[in-house]
């Protein structure tokens, strides 16, 4: 199991995807909800067992993961 504060990764939980500790709520799911336009309050109402701190830890984890020295090529879209 990998652990980083409120975000943990266990191969036996959600196929090892990073989740908020004590839940099966993945960092990926939270990012998808924000990308779909949901607010933090909407997410908290839908998942009352998570906290604001958990959501912020998930966002910080995602930001840190993107700081890795991996290049993500983006396809240009014709205008």
C-alpha atoms as a PDB file:
ATOM      1  CA  UNK A   1       0.000   0.000   0.000  1.00  0.00           C
ATOM      2  CA  UNK A   2       1.291   3.464  -0.914  1.00  0.00           C
ATOM      3  CA  UNK A   3       0.229   6.311   1.304  1.00  0.00           C
ATOM      4  CA  UNK A   4       0.364  10.089   1.155  1.00  0.00           C
ATOM      5  CA  UNK A   5      -1.654  11.647   3.987  1.00  0.00           C
ATOM      6  CA  UNK A   6      -5.319  11.371   3.087  1.00  0.00           C
ATOM      7  CA  UNK A   7      -4.635   9.727  -0.277  1.00  0.00           C
ATOM      8  CA  UNK A   8      -3.791   6.022  -0.296  1.00  0.00           C
ATOM      9  CA  UNK A   9      -3.214   3.359  -2.908  1.00  0.00           C
ATOM     10  CA  UNK A  10      -3.807  -0.329  -2.227  1.00  0.00           C
ATOM     11  CA  UNK A  11      -3.802  -2.952  -4.974  1.00  0.00           C
ATOM     12  CA  UNK A  12      -6.809  -4.583  -3.292  1.00  0.00           C
ATOM     13  CA  UNK A  13      -8.932  -1.398  -3.436  1.00  0.00           C
ATOM     14  CA  UNK A  14     -10.147   0.025  -6.753  1.00  0.00           C
ATOM     15  CA  UNK A  15      -7.354  -1.801  -8.629  1.00  0.00           C
ATOM     16  CA  UNK A  16      -4.724   0.262  -6.805  1.00  0.00           C
ATOM     17  CA  UNK A  17      -5.986   3.646  -7.974  1.00  0.00           C
ATOM     18  CA  UNK A  18      -5.359   6.470  -5.479  1.00  0.00           C
ATOM     19  CA  UNK A  19      -8.386   6.934  -3.208  1.00  0.00           C
ATOM     20  CA  UNK A  20      -9.339   9.092  -0.256  1.00  0.00           C
ATOM     21  CA  UNK A  21      -8.356   7.138   2.861  1.00  0.00           C
ATOM     22  CA  UNK A  22     -11.163   4.976   4.223  1.00  0.00           C
ATOM     23  CA  UNK A  23     -13.246   5.253   1.040  1.00  0.00           C
ATOM     24  CA  UNK A  24     -13.470   3.872  -2.458  1.00  0.00           C
ATOM     25  CA  UNK A  25     -13.655   7.411  -3.876  1.00  0.00           C
ATOM     26  CA  UNK A  26     -10.828   7.718  -6.390  1.00  0.00           C
ATOM     27  CA  UNK A  27      -8.880  10.847  -7.216  1.00  0.00           C
ATOM     28  CA  UNK A  28      -9.901  10.179 -10.809  1.00  0.00           C
ATOM     29  CA  UNK A  29     -13.628  10.252  -9.933  1.00  0.00           C
ATOM     30  CA  UNK A  30     -13.270  13.572  -8.133  1.00  0.00           C
ATOM     31  CA  UNK A  31     -11.433  15.119 -11.087  1.00  0.00           C
ATOM     32  CA  UNK A  32     -14.161  13.876 -13.431  1.00  0.00           C
ATOM     33  CA  UNK A  33     -16.851  15.402 -11.214  1.00  0.00           C
ATOM     34  CA  UNK A  34     -15.097  18.778 -11.146  1.00  0.00           C
ATOM     35  CA  UNK A  35     -14.533  18.612 -14.916  1.00  0.00           C
ATOM     36  CA  UNK A  36     -18.268  17.962 -15.356  1.00  0.00           C
ATOM     37  CA  UNK A  37     -19.004  21.189 -13.491  1.00  0.00           C
ATOM     38  CA  UNK A  38     -19.901  19.870 -10.059  1.00  0.00           C
ATOM     39  CA  UNK A  39     -18.996  22.060  -7.103  1.00  0.00           C
ATOM     40  CA  UNK A  40     -17.216  20.956  -3.974  1.00  0.00           C
ATOM     41  CA  UNK A  41     -20.493  21.283  -2.052  1.00  0.00           C
ATOM     42  CA  UNK A  42     -22.318  19.084  -4.579  1.00  0.00           C
ATOM     43  CA  UNK A  43     -19.643  16.417  -4.290  1.00  0.00           C
ATOM     44  CA  UNK A  44     -19.771  16.534  -0.488  1.00  0.00           C
ATOM     45  CA  UNK A  45     -23.558  16.147  -0.530  1.00  0.00           C
ATOM     46  CA  UNK A  46     -23.304  13.167  -2.874  1.00  0.00           C
ATOM     47  CA  UNK A  47     -20.534  11.571  -0.790  1.00  0.00           C
ATOM     48  CA  UNK A  48     -21.090  12.579   2.847  1.00  0.00           C
ATOM     49  CA  UNK A  49     -18.360  10.231   4.071  1.00  0.00           C
ATOM     50  CA  UNK A  50     -15.612  12.379   2.504  1.00  0.00           C
ATOM     51  CA  UNK A  51     -14.402  15.769   3.712  1.00  0.00           C
ATOM     52  CA  UNK A  52     -13.259  19.022   2.182  1.00  0.00           C
ATOM     53  CA  UNK A  53      -9.762  18.118   3.332  1.00  0.00           C
ATOM     54  CA  UNK A  54     -10.036  14.820   1.456  1.00  0.00           C
ATOM     55  CA  UNK A  55     -11.104  16.583  -1.722  1.00  0.00           C
ATOM     56  CA  UNK A  56      -8.260  19.098  -1.428  1.00  0.00           C
ATOM     57  CA  UNK A  57      -5.783  16.293  -0.766  1.00  0.00           C
ATOM     58  CA  UNK A  58      -7.007  14.569  -3.942  1.00  0.00           C
ATOM     59  CA  UNK A  59      -6.529  17.745  -5.982  1.00  0.00           C
ATOM     60  CA  UNK A  60      -3.051  18.283  -4.506  1.00  0.00           C
ATOM     61  CA  UNK A  61      -2.173  14.648  -5.293  1.00  0.00           C
ATOM     62  CA  UNK A  62      -3.294  15.093  -8.915  1.00  0.00           C
ATOM     63  CA  UNK A  63      -1.318  18.333  -9.270  1.00  0.00           C
ATOM     64  CA  UNK A  64       1.793  16.678  -7.855  1.00  0.00           C
ATOM     65  CA  UNK A  65       1.373  13.684 -10.167  1.00  0.00           C
ATOM     66  CA  UNK A  66       1.298  16.018 -13.179  1.00  0.00           C
ATOM     67  CA  UNK A  67       4.537  17.671 -12.060  1.00  0.00           C
ATOM     68  CA  UNK A  68       6.432  14.464 -12.844  1.00  0.00           C
ATOM     69  CA  UNK A  69       8.889  14.638 -15.694  1.00  0.00           C
ATOM     70  CA  UNK A  70       6.480  12.970 -18.113  1.00  0.00           C
ATOM     71  CA  UNK A  71       5.561  14.740 -21.336  1.00  0.00           C
ATOM     72  CA  UNK A  72       1.891  14.565 -22.295  1.00  0.00           C
ATOM     73  CA  UNK A  73       1.658  15.247 -26.039  1.00  0.00           C
ATOM     74  CA  UNK A  74      -1.494  17.097 -26.979  1.00  0.00           C
ATOM     75  CA  UNK A  75      -3.032  16.749 -30.386  1.00  0.00           C
ATOM     76  CA  UNK A  76      -3.590  20.047 -32.148  1.00  0.00           C
ATOM     77  CA  UNK A  77      -7.170  20.749 -33.057  1.00  0.00           C
ATOM     78  CA  UNK A  78      -7.792  22.431 -36.384  1.00  0.00           C
ATOM     79  CA  UNK A  79      -9.474  25.800 -35.973  1.00  0.00           C
END
